[in-house]
Structures are given as structure tokens and as C-alpha cells.
Amino acid sequence: MKGIEKLTAVRLAEILTERNVVSSEVITDALYASDTQGESFVATLVGGGHITDWDLAKLVTEHFNLPYLLAGSFSITEEAKNRLPKELLFQHTLVPLDLFGDIICVAMPVMLPFEQLQKIQKEHNCELFPYVGLISENKKVLGELFKDYKEWELGESKRREVAASKRSAKAAAGGGGGGALGSDWMSIFDAGEAAISSGVRKPTPAPAPTPTPAPPTSAGPAASTPPNPPKK
């Protein structure tokens, strides 16, 4: 699908920052969790109550020129349901809608990054045509399509809680936290602040030479160089 390569968490983060709908600190933490722990950038924002999946879906639809569809309003074919492994659908909260040869129409949980879509296409020899959907709606539909989805989701929720607890304990052991960014990242920031506050002494500049006055001319005094315009 043309333009699918633009679907990235970083680009969505830029849009959210431009619109000023989510704080930059929250966005940074969500990007870090996505990059280091494999957490969904979108799910982190919605799950944390920073933005609704509906408002986020509106932004993705508008800025990436993608169609929107509620998975529950679509009659899903059995062929589409079985085209991809259910474990993959569970992992990405992805709902298969219809199948046209090797083209699979799917409802995304608001947005899946291009890297993930590309990996699915390569590993399962198909082409995905994504619709923007809602996280809550996709979970409901997956529960209706697969009887074991709710049990899987419960186990996944517990796994995430354990992983989050371990990260918090590790951050606390590293010296008083550091939030979602982690103690390693915060140590870099702390080192930078320490370098600034220590006040590295600059060498004393040499005295400027005394200017020699220019001889007077009939044209009057020489024009002075205009000052640089103030930076905006």
C-alpha cells in the first residue's frame, strides 16, 4: 500500500507534539518503552489515560490519509480469520477483515508501525491493507472470534505488570528511580547537568587592539556596519 512506510511512532509523536495534546515527557517515556521494551507506543498512551483511542484514531486517519473502520461493523470471513496465526493477531491486537488473493484487509489498533506491518507481510507472504480501528473495539472483536483470546489477554496483562515491576525495582536500585527512561538514560542527563553547573572556566580573551582612527574624507565619516538582525 502506497505511503505505508510513513507509519512510524516517531512521526506520530511529532504530530502529537505539534498539536500539544500530550505532554512531551509522556511522549518521550512512551517512545522509550516502545524502543527498549517493545511496548506499543499507541497502547501506552491510551492505557495511561493520556489520550483516548478515538482521538488518536482521528489524528492517524487525518495525517496518514488512511480509512477508518470499526471492526465490529464488518462481516469477517472465515478465510480471512484463518489467514494469519491467531497468536500474531493477539500480539498486535490486529483484526483480519477480508481476503483478496494475497491481500489481507486488517483493522489496526489505531496504528501499527511500518516495521511491524512489513515484517508480517514478509513472514506470511501477503500484503496488508490497513484500516484505522480502535484498540477497545479490536479487543472486543478478537474475543468474539477466538474463545481463548480473553485468557491470553489476562496472561499478557499479568506479564506486563511483572515486567513493569521489575523495571521499577531496577530503576530504584540504580539510585532513586529515573522514571520510565531508566537509570542509564538518567545518568547521562545527570552528567550533562553536572558539567554545566560546574562551570568550565573559559580562557581569558586577549585584549582587543586599539583601533586607529581613519583619516577624514570629504564624503564624511565612514558608514558603520549595520548590526546583525536579532534572531527570531
Protein backbone atom coordinates (compact mmCIF):
# COMPACT_ATOMS: atom_id res chain seq x y z
CA MET A 1 0.00 0.00 0.00
CA LYS A 2 1.41 3.38 -1.01
CA GLY A 3 2.55 5.58 1.87
CA ILE A 4 2.53 2.79 4.45
CA GLU A 5 6.20 3.46 5.18
CA LYS A 6 5.20 6.74 6.85
CA LEU A 7 3.53 4.89 9.71
CA THR A 8 6.09 5.30 12.50
CA ALA A 9 5.84 6.02 16.21
CA VAL A 10 8.30 8.90 15.81
CA ARG A 11 6.15 10.59 13.16
CA LEU A 12 3.04 10.17 15.30
CA ALA A 13 4.96 11.60 18.27
CA GLU A 14 5.82 14.67 16.18
CA ILE A 15 2.16 15.16 15.29
CA LEU A 16 1.10 14.88 18.94
CA THR A 17 3.78 17.39 19.92
CA GLU A 18 2.71 19.84 17.21
CA ARG A 19 -0.92 19.58 18.34
CA ASN A 20 0.13 19.86 22.00
CA VAL A 21 -2.39 17.19 23.03
CA VAL A 22 0.05 15.03 25.02
CA SER A 23 2.94 16.31 27.15
CA SER A 24 6.44 15.89 25.76
CA GLU A 25 7.52 13.98 28.88
CA VAL A 26 4.79 11.37 28.36
CA ILE A 27 5.65 11.07 24.67
CA THR A 28 9.35 10.60 25.46
CA ASP A 29 8.60 7.89 28.02
CA ALA A 30 6.26 6.08 25.60
CA LEU A 31 8.84 6.19 22.81
CA TYR A 32 11.49 4.84 25.16
CA ALA A 33 9.21 1.97 26.24
CA SER A 34 8.47 1.21 22.60
CA ASP A 35 12.14 1.22 21.62
CA THR A 36 13.58 -0.73 24.55
CA GLN A 37 10.77 -2.94 25.87
CA GLY A 38 8.77 -3.46 22.68
CA GLU A 39 5.68 -1.84 24.17
CA SER A 40 3.13 -0.38 21.77
CA PHE A 41 3.55 3.41 21.60
CA VAL A 42 -0.17 3.87 20.95
CA ALA A 43 -1.28 1.41 23.65
CA THR A 44 0.99 3.11 26.21
CA LEU A 45 -0.59 6.50 25.55
CA VAL A 46 -4.17 5.20 25.60
CA GLY A 47 -3.62 2.79 28.51
CA GLY A 48 -2.11 5.59 30.58
CA GLY A 49 -5.17 7.77 30.03
CA HIS A 50 -3.20 10.47 28.19
CA ILE A 51 -5.48 10.40 25.13
CA THR A 52 -8.48 8.34 24.03
CA ASP A 53 -8.13 5.80 21.25
CA TRP A 54 -10.89 7.66 19.38
CA ASP A 55 -8.99 10.99 19.42
CA LEU A 56 -5.78 9.20 18.47
CA ALA A 57 -7.53 7.37 15.62
CA LYS A 58 -8.81 10.70 14.28
CA LEU A 59 -5.26 12.07 14.19
CA VAL A 60 -3.87 8.99 12.43
CA THR A 61 -6.69 8.98 9.89
CA GLU A 62 -6.18 12.66 9.13
CA HIS A 63 -2.38 12.78 8.92
CA PHE A 64 -1.68 9.43 7.24
CA ASN A 65 -4.66 9.51 4.85
CA LEU A 66 -5.94 6.10 5.93
CA PRO A 67 -9.54 4.86 6.03
CA TYR A 68 -11.28 4.33 9.36
CA LEU A 69 -13.41 1.29 10.16
CA LEU A 70 -14.97 -0.24 13.25
CA ALA A 71 -14.12 -3.94 13.15
CA GLY A 72 -17.39 -4.89 14.83
CA SER A 73 -19.41 -3.44 11.97
CA PHE A 74 -17.73 -5.68 9.38
CA SER A 75 -18.74 -9.21 8.42
CA ILE A 76 -15.45 -11.07 8.83
CA THR A 77 -14.92 -14.05 6.56
CA GLU A 78 -13.68 -17.39 7.88
CA GLU A 79 -10.96 -17.38 5.24
CA ALA A 80 -9.62 -14.03 6.46
CA LYS A 81 -9.86 -15.15 10.09
CA ASN A 82 -7.56 -18.12 9.46
CA ARG A 83 -5.10 -16.48 7.06
CA LEU A 84 -2.73 -15.28 9.83
CA PRO A 85 -1.78 -17.11 13.06
CA LYS A 86 -4.06 -16.14 15.92
CA GLU A 87 -1.05 -15.63 18.21
CA LEU A 88 0.14 -12.89 15.84
CA LEU A 89 -3.32 -11.29 15.82
CA PHE A 90 -3.40 -11.40 19.63
CA GLN A 91 0.07 -9.92 19.97
CA HIS A 92 -0.69 -6.93 17.72
CA THR A 93 -4.42 -6.59 18.54
CA LEU A 94 -4.95 -6.93 14.80
CA VAL A 95 -8.33 -7.89 13.34
CA PRO A 96 -8.46 -9.59 9.91
CA LEU A 97 -11.42 -8.37 7.86
CA ASP A 98 -11.33 -9.80 4.36
CA LEU A 99 -9.06 -11.53 1.89
CA PHE A 100 -8.44 -10.84 -1.80
CA GLY A 101 -5.80 -13.25 -3.02
CA ASP A 102 -2.69 -12.36 -1.04
CA ILE A 103 -4.10 -9.00 0.09
CA ILE A 104 -5.43 -9.05 3.65
CA CYS A 105 -7.61 -6.18 4.86
CA VAL A 106 -6.98 -5.61 8.56
CA ALA A 107 -8.13 -3.23 11.28
CA MET A 108 -5.18 -1.85 13.22
CA PRO A 109 -5.36 -0.89 16.92
CA VAL A 110 -5.23 2.78 15.84
CA MET A 111 -1.79 2.31 14.26
CA LEU A 112 0.87 -0.34 13.79
CA PRO A 113 4.36 0.90 12.86
CA PHE A 114 5.58 0.22 9.34
CA GLU A 115 8.33 -2.08 10.61
CA GLN A 116 5.77 -4.43 12.16
CA LEU A 117 3.50 -4.39 9.12
CA GLN A 118 6.46 -5.04 6.84
CA LYS A 119 7.64 -7.95 9.00
CA ILE A 120 4.17 -9.57 8.92
CA GLN A 121 3.99 -9.21 5.15
CA LYS A 122 7.42 -10.75 4.66
CA GLU A 123 6.97 -13.66 7.06
CA HIS A 124 3.47 -14.61 5.86
CA ASN A 125 3.81 -13.86 2.15
CA CYS A 126 0.99 -11.35 1.96
CA GLU A 127 0.20 -7.68 1.51
CA LEU A 128 -1.68 -5.84 4.24
CA PHE A 129 -4.28 -3.19 3.54
CA PRO A 130 -4.70 -1.45 6.90
CA TYR A 131 -7.75 0.36 8.25
CA VAL A 132 -7.54 2.58 11.32
CA GLY A 133 -9.52 0.97 14.13
CA LEU A 134 -9.91 1.32 17.89
CA ILE A 135 -7.96 -0.65 20.47
CA SER A 136 -11.07 -1.32 22.58
CA GLU A 137 -13.11 -2.38 19.55
CA ASN A 138 -10.40 -4.70 18.23
CA LYS A 139 -10.10 -6.42 21.61
CA LYS A 140 -13.85 -6.97 21.71
CA VAL A 141 -13.93 -8.45 18.21
CA LEU A 142 -10.92 -10.71 18.86
CA GLY A 143 -12.72 -12.02 21.94
CA GLU A 144 -15.73 -12.86 19.76
CA LEU A 145 -13.64 -14.52 17.04
CA PHE A 146 -11.39 -16.58 19.31
CA LYS A 147 -12.58 -18.17 22.56
CA ASP A 148 -9.10 -18.24 24.07
CA TYR A 149 -8.30 -14.56 23.45
CA LYS A 150 -9.56 -13.31 26.83
CA GLU A 151 -7.46 -15.89 28.65
CA TRP A 152 -4.43 -14.90 26.57
CA GLU A 153 -5.07 -11.21 27.26
CA LEU A 154 -5.27 -11.84 31.01
CA GLY A 155 -1.95 -13.67 30.96
CA GLU A 156 -0.39 -10.93 28.86
CA SER A 157 -1.64 -8.29 31.28
CA LYS A 158 -0.03 -10.12 34.20
CA ARG A 159 3.20 -10.47 32.24
CA ARG A 160 3.30 -6.73 31.59
CA GLU A 161 2.67 -5.97 35.26
CA VAL A 162 5.56 -8.20 36.29
CA ALA A 163 7.84 -6.62 33.69
CA ALA A 164 6.85 -3.12 34.84
CA SER A 165 7.55 -4.05 38.47
CA LYS A 166 10.98 -5.38 37.55
CA ARG A 167 11.81 -2.18 35.65
CA SER A 168 10.69 -0.06 38.62
CA ALA A 169 12.75 -2.15 41.04
CA LYS A 170 15.79 -1.92 38.77
CA ALA A 171 15.41 1.85 38.48
CA ALA A 172 15.09 2.20 42.27
CA ALA A 173 18.16 0.02 42.84
CA GLY A 174 20.09 2.20 40.42
CA GLY A 175 19.76 5.21 42.68
CA GLY A 176 16.37 6.72 43.26
CA GLY A 177 14.43 5.97 40.15
CA GLY A 178 14.68 7.65 36.83
CA GLY A 179 11.15 7.00 35.72
CA ALA A 180 10.33 5.22 32.55
CA LEU A 181 13.52 6.44 30.97
CA GLY A 182 15.59 4.18 33.20
CA SER A 183 18.63 4.85 35.36
CA ASP A 184 21.10 4.51 32.49
CA TRP A 185 19.47 7.26 30.46
CA MET A 186 19.05 9.50 33.51
CA SER A 187 22.73 9.12 34.40
CA ILE A 188 23.58 10.61 31.01
CA PHE A 189 21.30 13.58 31.67
CA ASP A 190 22.71 13.99 35.19
CA ALA A 191 26.26 14.01 33.85
CA GLY A 192 25.34 16.72 31.36
CA GLU A 193 23.76 18.87 34.06
CA ALA A 194 26.79 18.40 36.30
CA ALA A 195 29.12 19.55 33.55
CA ILE A 196 27.06 22.68 33.00
CA SER A 197 26.70 23.53 36.71
CA SER A 198 30.41 23.01 37.41
CA GLY A 199 31.14 25.98 35.17
CA VAL A 200 34.05 25.04 32.95
CA ARG A 201 36.43 28.02 33.05
CA LYS A 202 36.94 29.66 29.69
CA PRO A 203 40.32 31.13 28.72
CA THR A 204 40.60 34.90 29.18
CA PRO A 205 40.43 36.54 25.77
CA ALA A 206 43.35 38.71 24.65
CA PRO A 207 42.69 42.48 24.79
CA ALA A 208 41.44 43.88 21.53
CA PRO A 209 43.92 46.18 19.70
CA THR A 210 43.25 49.91 19.93
CA PRO A 211 41.64 50.99 16.64
CA THR A 212 43.45 53.61 14.60
CA PRO A 213 41.09 56.44 13.60
CA ALA A 214 40.52 56.71 9.86
CA PRO A 215 41.57 59.98 8.20
CA PRO A 216 38.67 62.34 7.48
CA THR A 217 37.36 62.48 3.93
CA SER A 218 35.19 64.87 2.06
CA ALA A 219 32.46 62.26 1.88
CA GLY A 220 32.06 62.45 5.66
CA PRO A 221 32.56 59.72 8.23
CA ALA A 222 32.68 56.14 7.03
CA ALA A 223 29.38 54.28 7.22
CA SER A 224 29.25 51.87 10.07
CA THR A 225 28.37 48.21 9.53
CA PRO A 226 24.74 47.59 10.46
CA PRO A 227 24.27 45.30 13.43
CA ASN A 228 23.14 41.75 12.80
CA PRO A 229 19.36 41.45 12.92
CA PRO A 230 18.04 39.93 16.13
CA LYS A 231 17.42 36.26 15.98
CA LYS A 232 13.79 35.29 15.90
